Amino acid sequence: MRDPQTERADIAPDGAQQPARKWRLVGPGIVVAATGVGAGDLVATLIAGSEYGYALLWAVVLGVVVKIALAEAVGRWHLATGSTIFAGWRSLGVWTSVYFAVYVAIWGFVYGATAMTSAALPLAALFPALPIWAWGIICGLVGLAFVWFGNYAVFEKAMTALIGVMFVIVVGLAVLVTPNLGEVVSGLVPRLPEGSAVYTLGLVGGVGGTITMAAYGYWVNAKGWRDASWMRVMRLDNRVAYLTTGVFVVAMLIVGAELLYASSIALESGDRGLLDLDEVLRDRFGPVVATLFLVGFFATSFSSLLGVWQGVSLLFADFVRNRRKAEGQLTGAVERSWPYRGYLLWLTFPPMALLFLGRPFALVVAYGAFGAFFMPFLAGTLLYLLNGRRTPREWRSGWLSNTLLTGAAALFVVLCVNELAGLIG
């Protein structure tokens, strides 16, 4: 890893840099964006395009804006206070630790199986000699080994490569289906087709991550950005990453609108819907395009797996560290600590038992409900922490950040209640 002091010397007091230098620093945002956009997000965006054409394009764009605000708030807390987000949660009372401990244990067990299955689906389609459960175990073990023996610098390069593959393939596919640019522009005008209200809220809230958004500050610190002098660089990094995500998900909506909407083709919900799209692409454009799409599907799913294995393990390690009332930010040594590696093992091995169940519907619904539980907590606590005395006055939230964080908190509360109602029903 480069010396942070050496890199900081290239930044003027006002945060100005040479353009080439500035772009070369971008990285943690790409990691959180690559982690956050999974196969489920692709299916949700595809279904939006297949059912409503371009009518909900504005919701996708709004979702990107919401996630930019959330990630910026996480990064700002880390840089402005010199502590971690978990230290902030600890300052709110013991209830936050209890909430996190219960949540991260259950969520990790369910997500581990979901991530391994999602990465296995395209591999099983490409190489059917092995069943999905076997590919899932292989993906989990490869992810474990990569994160166990690697470091942040290598991890960031791998994630950048994976999101590059995702981006090129999906944007290329959007160009291939020849979008109607006039209808694309018209989709930026907010409107709600009949019966789409709850679905639209889910689309806004689902672009680009859940618990992994809290890991952004840890990746910022791992990059060597550890104080407020890096604030402008962090904000550039965050915006570039989520604008890339925006282009990516808009491209998927275009594919849904042009390839599926006009033909009234319905996709299966969940990750398997992408296998339905594979068949459509094979019939329309031939096996080469379909194969490339499966490669992009795998890159999308495996990047999410790696990001969770690394990022949420950092969160858990900081949770254990804060139980001892530790102060300051994490160091690189945490990646060799037993809490970090212990949570890695928890994400990998116990969930393998669920792979043999074939991902029953109850598991998919449970994962959606557990994902919805965390975002109101994150948005609400950030809103409180970034307006409180622990944040230096110059870095407290302004009206725009407060408006977006308040809107995000309200949005995620509604989505959480909706998920709970669906789970109970």
Protein backbone atom coordinates (compact mmCIF):
# COMPACT_ATOMS: atom_id res chain seq x y z
CA MET A 1 0.00 0.00 0.00
CA ARG A 2 1.26 3.48 -0.81
CA ASP A 3 2.32 5.82 1.96
CA PRO A 4 -0.68 8.09 2.74
CA GLN A 5 1.64 10.95 3.59
CA THR A 6 3.26 10.69 0.16
CA GLU A 7 -0.12 10.77 -1.56
CA ARG A 8 -1.35 13.62 0.61
CA ALA A 9 1.61 15.75 -0.50
CA ASP A 10 0.08 15.85 -3.99
CA ILE A 11 -3.07 17.54 -2.67
CA ALA A 12 -3.24 21.30 -2.30
CA PRO A 13 -4.89 22.76 0.84
CA ASP A 14 -8.11 23.31 -1.09
CA GLY A 15 -8.15 19.68 -2.23
CA ALA A 16 -7.12 20.45 -5.82
CA GLN A 17 -5.10 17.86 -7.71
CA GLN A 18 -3.80 17.14 -11.14
CA PRO A 19 -6.62 15.32 -13.00
CA ALA A 20 -4.59 12.17 -13.66
CA ARG A 21 -3.60 11.96 -10.01
CA LYS A 22 -7.16 12.49 -8.85
CA TRP A 23 -8.56 9.71 -11.03
CA ARG A 24 -5.84 7.30 -9.92
CA LEU A 25 -6.97 7.67 -6.31
CA VAL A 26 -10.52 6.48 -7.02
CA GLY A 27 -11.05 3.04 -5.50
CA PRO A 28 -13.08 2.51 -2.29
CA GLY A 29 -16.22 3.82 -3.98
CA ILE A 30 -15.79 1.32 -6.80
CA VAL A 31 -15.48 -1.41 -4.18
CA VAL A 32 -18.70 -0.46 -2.36
CA ALA A 33 -20.56 -0.04 -5.65
CA ALA A 34 -19.36 -3.40 -7.01
CA THR A 35 -20.36 -5.05 -3.73
CA GLY A 36 -23.75 -3.37 -3.58
CA VAL A 37 -24.94 -4.14 -7.11
CA GLY A 38 -25.75 -7.83 -7.08
CA ALA A 39 -27.73 -10.17 -9.26
CA GLY A 40 -30.92 -9.28 -7.37
CA ASP A 41 -30.51 -5.61 -8.33
CA LEU A 42 -30.06 -6.61 -11.97
CA VAL A 43 -33.24 -8.68 -11.92
CA ALA A 44 -35.24 -5.91 -10.19
CA THR A 45 -34.10 -3.38 -12.79
CA LEU A 46 -34.75 -5.78 -15.65
CA ILE A 47 -38.25 -6.49 -14.38
CA ALA A 48 -38.90 -2.76 -14.05
CA GLY A 49 -37.99 -2.35 -17.71
CA SER A 50 -39.92 -5.42 -18.81
CA GLU A 51 -43.14 -4.39 -17.00
CA TYR A 52 -43.10 -0.59 -17.23
CA GLY A 53 -40.73 0.22 -20.08
CA TYR A 54 -38.85 3.44 -19.28
CA ALA A 55 -41.50 4.80 -16.92
CA LEU A 56 -39.44 4.06 -13.78
CA LEU A 57 -36.06 5.24 -15.07
CA TRP A 58 -36.31 8.27 -12.78
CA ALA A 59 -36.59 5.95 -9.76
CA VAL A 60 -33.30 4.26 -10.68
CA VAL A 61 -31.61 7.66 -10.93
CA LEU A 62 -33.10 8.73 -7.58
CA GLY A 63 -31.81 5.50 -6.03
CA VAL A 64 -28.29 6.39 -7.15
CA VAL A 65 -28.61 9.86 -5.57
CA VAL A 66 -29.81 8.34 -2.28
CA LYS A 67 -26.87 5.92 -2.14
CA ILE A 68 -24.38 8.69 -2.98
CA ALA A 69 -25.72 10.61 0.03
CA LEU A 70 -25.49 7.57 2.32
CA ALA A 71 -21.98 6.58 1.27
CA GLU A 72 -20.77 10.18 1.50
CA ALA A 73 -22.16 10.41 5.03
CA VAL A 74 -20.37 7.22 6.10
CA GLY A 75 -17.08 8.39 4.59
CA ARG A 76 -17.48 11.89 6.09
CA TRP A 77 -17.97 10.46 9.58
CA HIS A 78 -14.77 8.39 9.35
CA LEU A 79 -12.65 11.27 8.01
CA ALA A 80 -14.10 14.09 10.12
CA THR A 81 -14.04 12.30 13.49
CA GLY A 82 -11.01 10.02 13.10
CA SER A 83 -13.10 7.12 14.40
CA THR A 84 -15.20 4.39 12.83
CA ILE A 85 -18.93 4.18 12.28
CA PHE A 86 -19.15 1.50 14.94
CA ALA A 87 -17.57 3.86 17.48
CA GLY A 88 -20.36 6.28 16.60
CA TRP A 89 -23.00 3.60 17.09
CA ARG A 90 -21.47 2.65 20.43
CA SER A 91 -21.83 6.27 21.59
CA LEU A 92 -25.61 5.98 21.06
CA GLY A 93 -25.98 3.29 23.70
CA VAL A 94 -25.70 -0.45 24.23
CA TRP A 95 -28.83 -1.11 22.14
CA THR A 96 -26.85 -0.52 18.94
CA SER A 97 -24.38 -3.29 19.80
CA VAL A 98 -27.20 -5.69 20.65
CA TYR A 99 -29.00 -4.81 17.42
CA PHE A 100 -25.85 -5.25 15.33
CA ALA A 101 -24.80 -8.52 16.99
CA VAL A 102 -28.17 -10.19 16.41
CA TYR A 103 -28.53 -8.76 12.92
CA VAL A 104 -25.04 -9.59 11.63
CA ALA A 105 -25.22 -13.17 12.91
CA ILE A 106 -28.56 -13.97 11.25
CA TRP A 107 -27.94 -11.91 8.12
CA GLY A 108 -24.50 -13.44 7.56
CA PHE A 109 -25.89 -16.97 7.74
CA VAL A 110 -28.67 -16.24 5.24
CA TYR A 111 -26.55 -14.06 2.93
CA GLY A 112 -23.70 -16.58 2.79
CA ALA A 113 -25.97 -19.14 1.14
CA THR A 114 -27.56 -16.49 -1.11
CA ALA A 115 -24.20 -15.16 -2.34
CA MET A 116 -22.72 -18.57 -3.04
CA THR A 117 -25.82 -19.68 -4.93
CA SER A 118 -25.96 -16.47 -6.94
CA ALA A 119 -22.32 -16.86 -8.04
CA ALA A 120 -22.93 -20.54 -8.80
CA LEU A 121 -25.92 -20.06 -11.11
CA PRO A 122 -24.02 -18.68 -14.13
CA LEU A 123 -21.16 -21.16 -13.61
CA ALA A 124 -23.60 -24.07 -13.60
CA ALA A 125 -25.13 -22.72 -16.83
CA LEU A 126 -21.68 -22.37 -18.43
CA PHE A 127 -20.26 -25.63 -17.05
CA PRO A 128 -23.18 -27.98 -16.29
CA ALA A 129 -20.89 -30.90 -15.35
CA LEU A 130 -21.19 -29.77 -11.71
CA PRO A 131 -24.48 -29.02 -9.91
CA ILE A 132 -25.29 -25.59 -8.49
CA TRP A 133 -24.52 -26.60 -4.91
CA ALA A 134 -21.02 -27.78 -5.89
CA TRP A 135 -20.26 -24.52 -7.73
CA GLY A 136 -21.62 -22.63 -4.71
CA ILE A 137 -19.19 -24.39 -2.37
CA ILE A 138 -16.30 -23.69 -4.76
CA CYS A 139 -17.22 -19.99 -4.96
CA GLY A 140 -17.44 -19.73 -1.18
CA LEU A 141 -14.05 -21.40 -0.68
CA VAL A 142 -12.36 -19.28 -3.36
CA GLY A 143 -13.79 -16.12 -1.79
CA LEU A 144 -12.63 -17.25 1.64
CA ALA A 145 -9.08 -17.98 0.46
CA PHE A 146 -8.82 -14.71 -1.48
CA VAL A 147 -9.90 -12.56 1.46
CA TRP A 148 -8.09 -14.65 4.10
CA PHE A 149 -4.66 -14.40 2.45
CA GLY A 150 -5.06 -11.11 0.56
CA ASN A 151 -4.91 -7.45 1.55
CA TYR A 152 -6.92 -4.37 0.67
CA ALA A 153 -4.74 -3.30 -2.27
CA VAL A 154 -5.15 -6.65 -4.05
CA PHE A 155 -8.83 -6.78 -3.10
CA GLU A 156 -9.46 -3.33 -4.62
CA LYS A 157 -7.77 -4.30 -7.90
CA ALA A 158 -9.84 -7.47 -8.15
CA MET A 159 -13.08 -5.59 -7.48
CA THR A 160 -12.19 -2.93 -10.05
CA ALA A 161 -11.54 -5.65 -12.63
CA LEU A 162 -14.87 -7.36 -11.87
CA ILE A 163 -16.92 -4.16 -12.09
CA GLY A 164 -15.08 -3.37 -15.35
CA VAL A 165 -16.25 -6.69 -16.80
CA MET A 166 -19.80 -6.04 -15.55
CA PHE A 167 -19.84 -2.54 -16.97
CA VAL A 168 -18.51 -3.36 -20.44
CA ILE A 169 -20.81 -6.35 -20.95
CA VAL A 170 -24.02 -4.76 -19.65
CA VAL A 171 -23.50 -1.37 -21.36
CA GLY A 172 -22.53 -3.20 -24.55
CA LEU A 173 -25.74 -5.20 -24.31
CA ALA A 174 -27.76 -1.99 -23.89
CA VAL A 175 -26.17 -0.60 -27.06
CA LEU A 176 -26.84 -3.88 -28.87
CA VAL A 177 -30.60 -3.73 -28.25
CA THR A 178 -30.72 -0.22 -29.83
CA PRO A 179 -32.52 1.95 -27.26
CA ASN A 180 -35.09 4.57 -28.19
CA LEU A 181 -33.33 7.70 -26.89
CA GLY A 182 -36.51 9.77 -26.89
CA GLU A 183 -38.24 7.29 -24.58
CA VAL A 184 -35.11 7.05 -22.40
CA VAL A 185 -35.21 10.83 -21.82
CA SER A 186 -38.97 10.74 -21.17
CA GLY A 187 -38.35 8.18 -18.42
CA LEU A 188 -36.55 10.83 -16.37
CA VAL A 189 -39.89 12.56 -15.74
CA PRO A 190 -41.31 11.17 -12.46
CA ARG A 191 -44.55 9.24 -12.86
CA LEU A 192 -46.09 6.17 -11.29
CA PRO A 193 -47.76 3.57 -13.50
CA GLU A 194 -50.81 1.96 -11.93
CA GLY A 195 -49.91 -0.52 -9.20
CA SER A 196 -46.22 0.38 -9.18
CA ALA A 197 -45.92 2.46 -5.96
CA VAL A 198 -44.37 -0.14 -3.65
CA TYR A 199 -42.28 -1.59 -6.45
CA THR A 200 -40.94 1.88 -7.23
CA LEU A 201 -39.91 2.43 -3.62
CA GLY A 202 -38.05 -0.88 -3.72
CA LEU A 203 -36.31 0.18 -6.90
CA VAL A 204 -35.17 3.46 -5.31
CA GLY A 205 -33.94 1.70 -2.20
CA GLY A 206 -32.38 -1.30 -3.91
CA VAL A 207 -29.74 0.35 -6.11
CA GLY A 208 -26.31 -0.34 -4.71
CA GLY A 209 -26.12 -2.03 -1.36
CA THR A 210 -27.42 -2.54 2.18
CA ILE A 211 -25.11 -3.35 5.12
CA THR A 212 -22.05 -3.07 2.87
CA MET A 213 -22.63 0.70 2.66
CA ALA A 214 -21.45 0.90 6.27
CA ALA A 215 -18.19 -0.75 5.16
CA TYR A 216 -17.34 2.20 2.88
CA GLY A 217 -15.65 4.12 5.70
CA TYR A 218 -13.43 1.14 6.50
CA TRP A 219 -12.37 0.85 2.86
CA VAL A 220 -11.68 4.60 2.82
CA ASN A 221 -9.37 4.13 5.83
CA ALA A 222 -7.74 1.05 4.27
CA LYS A 223 -6.91 3.19 1.24
CA GLY A 224 -4.90 5.45 3.54
CA TRP A 225 -7.45 8.26 3.80
CA ARG A 226 -7.64 8.90 7.53
CA ASP A 227 -8.47 12.56 8.17
CA ALA A 228 -10.46 15.48 6.79
CA SER A 229 -7.73 16.48 4.30
CA TRP A 230 -9.04 13.61 2.14
CA MET A 231 -12.65 14.79 2.19
CA ARG A 232 -12.77 16.09 -1.40
CA VAL A 233 -11.01 13.02 -2.72
CA MET A 234 -13.50 10.78 -0.90
CA ARG A 235 -16.42 12.72 -2.33
CA LEU A 236 -15.02 12.44 -5.86
CA ASP A 237 -14.44 8.72 -5.35
CA ASN A 238 -18.01 8.24 -4.10
CA ARG A 239 -19.64 10.18 -6.93
CA VAL A 240 -17.62 8.49 -9.67
CA ALA A 241 -18.48 5.07 -8.24
CA TYR A 242 -22.22 5.65 -8.01
CA LEU A 243 -22.44 7.43 -11.35
CA THR A 244 -20.83 4.29 -12.77
CA THR A 245 -23.46 2.28 -10.93
CA GLY A 246 -26.15 4.55 -12.36
CA VAL A 247 -25.01 3.95 -15.92
CA PHE A 248 -24.86 0.23 -15.18
CA VAL A 249 -28.41 -0.09 -13.81
CA VAL A 250 -29.85 2.23 -16.47
CA ALA A 251 -28.29 -0.07 -19.06
CA MET A 252 -30.08 -3.03 -17.47
CA LEU A 253 -33.38 -1.15 -17.52
CA ILE A 254 -32.83 -0.41 -21.22
CA VAL A 255 -32.28 -4.12 -21.87
CA GLY A 256 -35.51 -4.91 -20.03
CA ALA A 257 -37.48 -2.21 -21.84
CA GLU A 258 -36.21 -2.94 -25.35
CA LEU A 259 -35.78 -6.70 -25.20
CA LEU A 260 -38.56 -7.80 -22.86
CA TYR A 261 -41.22 -5.07 -22.62
CA ALA A 262 -42.01 -4.96 -26.32
CA SER A 263 -42.20 -8.78 -26.48
CA SER A 264 -44.17 -9.18 -23.23
CA ILE A 265 -41.56 -11.59 -21.89
CA ALA A 266 -41.72 -12.16 -18.12
CA LEU A 267 -38.73 -13.09 -15.98
CA GLU A 268 -38.69 -15.27 -12.90
CA SER A 269 -38.07 -13.24 -9.74
CA GLY A 270 -34.77 -13.71 -7.91
CA ASP A 271 -31.37 -14.48 -9.36
CA ARG A 272 -32.77 -17.20 -11.64
CA GLY A 273 -34.44 -14.48 -13.68
CA LEU A 274 -31.03 -13.79 -15.21
CA LEU A 275 -30.97 -17.35 -16.55
CA ASP A 276 -34.29 -16.57 -18.26
CA LEU A 277 -32.61 -13.56 -19.87
CA ASP A 278 -29.76 -15.81 -20.98
CA GLU A 279 -32.24 -17.89 -22.97
CA VAL A 280 -33.78 -14.76 -24.53
CA LEU A 281 -30.35 -13.48 -25.55
CA ARG A 282 -29.41 -16.87 -26.98
CA ASP A 283 -32.50 -16.91 -29.17
CA ARG A 284 -32.13 -13.25 -30.24
CA PHE A 285 -28.36 -12.77 -30.64
CA GLY A 286 -26.78 -16.22 -30.54
CA PRO A 287 -24.57 -18.19 -28.12
CA VAL A 288 -21.62 -15.76 -28.04
CA VAL A 289 -23.67 -12.86 -26.63
CA ALA A 290 -25.46 -15.22 -24.21
CA THR A 291 -22.14 -16.58 -22.96
CA LEU A 292 -20.71 -13.10 -22.46
CA PHE A 293 -23.81 -12.19 -20.48
CA LEU A 294 -23.29 -15.18 -18.17
CA VAL A 295 -19.70 -14.00 -17.62
CA GLY A 296 -21.06 -10.58 -16.63
CA PHE A 297 -23.65 -12.27 -14.39
CA PHE A 298 -20.84 -14.15 -12.62
CA ALA A 299 -18.71 -10.99 -12.25
CA THR A 300 -21.70 -9.20 -10.69
CA SER A 301 -22.44 -11.99 -8.21
CA PHE A 302 -18.85 -12.84 -7.29
CA SER A 303 -17.90 -9.19 -6.70
CA SER A 304 -20.77 -8.96 -4.20
CA LEU A 305 -19.55 -12.13 -2.49
CA LEU A 306 -15.98 -10.84 -2.19
CA GLY A 307 -17.14 -7.43 -0.98
CA VAL A 308 -19.28 -8.90 1.79
CA TRP A 309 -16.62 -11.44 2.82
CA GLN A 310 -14.12 -8.57 3.22
CA GLY A 311 -16.24 -5.58 4.23
CA VAL A 312 -18.72 -7.08 6.68
CA SER A 313 -15.88 -9.02 8.31
CA LEU A 314 -14.23 -5.63 8.94
CA LEU A 315 -17.46 -4.40 10.53
CA PHE A 316 -17.60 -7.45 12.77
CA ALA A 317 -13.95 -7.07 13.77
CA ASP A 318 -14.62 -3.45 14.72
CA PHE A 319 -17.68 -4.55 16.70
CA VAL A 320 -15.47 -6.87 18.78
CA ARG A 321 -12.80 -4.17 19.12
CA ASN A 322 -15.36 -1.64 20.34
CA ARG A 323 -16.65 -4.03 22.97
CA ARG A 324 -13.26 -3.29 24.58
CA LYS A 325 -13.92 0.47 24.19
CA ALA A 326 -11.15 0.90 21.61
CA GLU A 327 -10.65 4.29 19.97
CA GLY A 328 -9.44 5.44 16.54
CA GLN A 329 -9.55 3.70 13.19
CA LEU A 330 -8.68 0.16 12.22
CA THR A 331 -5.19 -0.80 11.07
CA GLY A 332 -4.21 -3.34 8.44
CA ALA A 333 -3.48 -5.85 11.22
CA VAL A 334 -7.22 -6.38 11.73
CA GLU A 335 -7.29 -8.54 8.57
CA ARG A 336 -5.22 -11.10 10.48
CA SER A 337 -7.29 -10.91 13.68
CA TRP A 338 -9.46 -13.77 14.94
CA PRO A 339 -12.75 -11.78 14.89
CA TYR A 340 -12.19 -10.88 11.22
CA ARG A 341 -11.30 -14.42 10.22
CA GLY A 342 -13.92 -15.91 12.51
CA TYR A 343 -16.69 -14.00 10.73
CA LEU A 344 -15.20 -15.04 7.39
CA LEU A 345 -15.63 -18.65 8.46
CA TRP A 346 -19.18 -17.92 9.64
CA LEU A 347 -20.08 -16.48 6.21
CA THR A 348 -18.60 -19.48 4.41
CA PHE A 349 -19.17 -22.80 6.15
CA PRO A 350 -22.48 -22.86 8.11
CA PRO A 351 -24.45 -21.42 5.13
CA MET A 352 -23.22 -24.29 2.94
CA ALA A 353 -25.86 -26.46 4.61
CA LEU A 354 -28.53 -24.29 2.98
CA LEU A 355 -27.11 -24.89 -0.50
CA PHE A 356 -28.47 -28.42 -0.45
CA LEU A 357 -32.00 -27.09 0.13
CA GLY A 358 -32.06 -25.51 -3.35
CA ARG A 359 -32.76 -22.03 -1.94
CA PRO A 360 -36.41 -22.48 -0.96
CA PHE A 361 -38.73 -19.50 -1.33
CA ALA A 362 -38.74 -18.88 2.42
CA LEU A 363 -34.95 -18.30 2.32
CA VAL A 364 -35.27 -15.71 -0.44
CA VAL A 365 -38.04 -13.86 1.40
CA ALA A 366 -36.08 -13.97 4.66
CA TYR A 367 -33.01 -12.48 2.97
CA GLY A 368 -35.08 -9.60 1.58
CA ALA A 369 -36.56 -8.89 5.01
CA PHE A 370 -33.19 -9.00 6.78
CA GLY A 371 -31.67 -6.67 4.18
CA ALA A 372 -34.46 -4.16 4.76
CA PHE A 373 -33.84 -4.13 8.51
CA PHE A 374 -30.41 -2.52 8.31
CA MET A 375 -30.95 0.52 6.09
CA PRO A 376 -33.33 2.46 8.40
CA PHE A 377 -30.79 1.89 11.19
CA LEU A 378 -27.89 3.17 9.05
CA ALA A 379 -29.72 6.23 7.68
CA GLY A 380 -31.23 7.18 11.05
CA THR A 381 -28.00 6.88 13.02
CA LEU A 382 -26.03 8.81 10.40
CA LEU A 383 -28.61 11.59 10.53
CA TYR A 384 -28.15 11.82 14.31
CA LEU A 385 -24.35 11.44 14.43
CA LEU A 386 -23.57 13.94 11.68
CA ASN A 387 -25.62 16.65 13.38
CA GLY A 388 -24.25 16.01 16.86
CA ARG A 389 -21.37 17.36 18.88
CA ARG A 390 -19.01 14.49 18.02
CA THR A 391 -18.82 15.74 14.44
CA PRO A 392 -16.73 18.93 14.02
CA ARG A 393 -19.02 21.81 13.11
CA GLU A 394 -17.52 22.35 9.64
CA TRP A 395 -18.28 18.74 8.67
CA ARG A 396 -21.80 18.46 10.04
CA SER A 397 -24.57 17.77 7.56
CA GLY A 398 -26.04 20.70 5.62
CA TRP A 399 -29.60 21.02 4.40
CA LEU A 400 -29.05 18.85 1.30
CA SER A 401 -27.43 15.97 3.17
CA ASN A 402 -30.06 16.15 5.94
CA THR A 403 -32.88 16.17 3.39
CA LEU A 404 -31.49 13.13 1.57
CA LEU A 405 -30.72 11.22 4.77
CA THR A 406 -34.19 11.98 6.18
CA GLY A 407 -35.79 10.88 2.93
CA ALA A 408 -33.67 7.73 2.89
CA ALA A 409 -34.61 6.89 6.50
CA ALA A 410 -38.32 7.32 5.73
CA LEU A 411 -38.02 5.32 2.52
CA PHE A 412 -36.28 2.41 4.20
CA VAL A 413 -38.74 2.35 7.09
CA VAL A 414 -41.58 1.96 4.57
CA LEU A 415 -39.68 -0.78 2.72
CA CYS A 416 -38.88 -2.55 6.00
CA VAL A 417 -42.55 -2.54 7.04
CA ASN A 418 -43.54 -3.80 3.59
CA GLU A 419 -41.00 -6.64 3.79
CA LEU A 420 -42.21 -7.59 7.26
CA ALA A 421 -45.82 -7.59 6.05
CA GLY A 422 -44.82 -9.86 3.17
CA LEU A 423 -42.88 -12.17 5.51
CA ILE A 424 -45.81 -12.45 7.92
CA GLY A 425 -48.29 -12.87 5.08
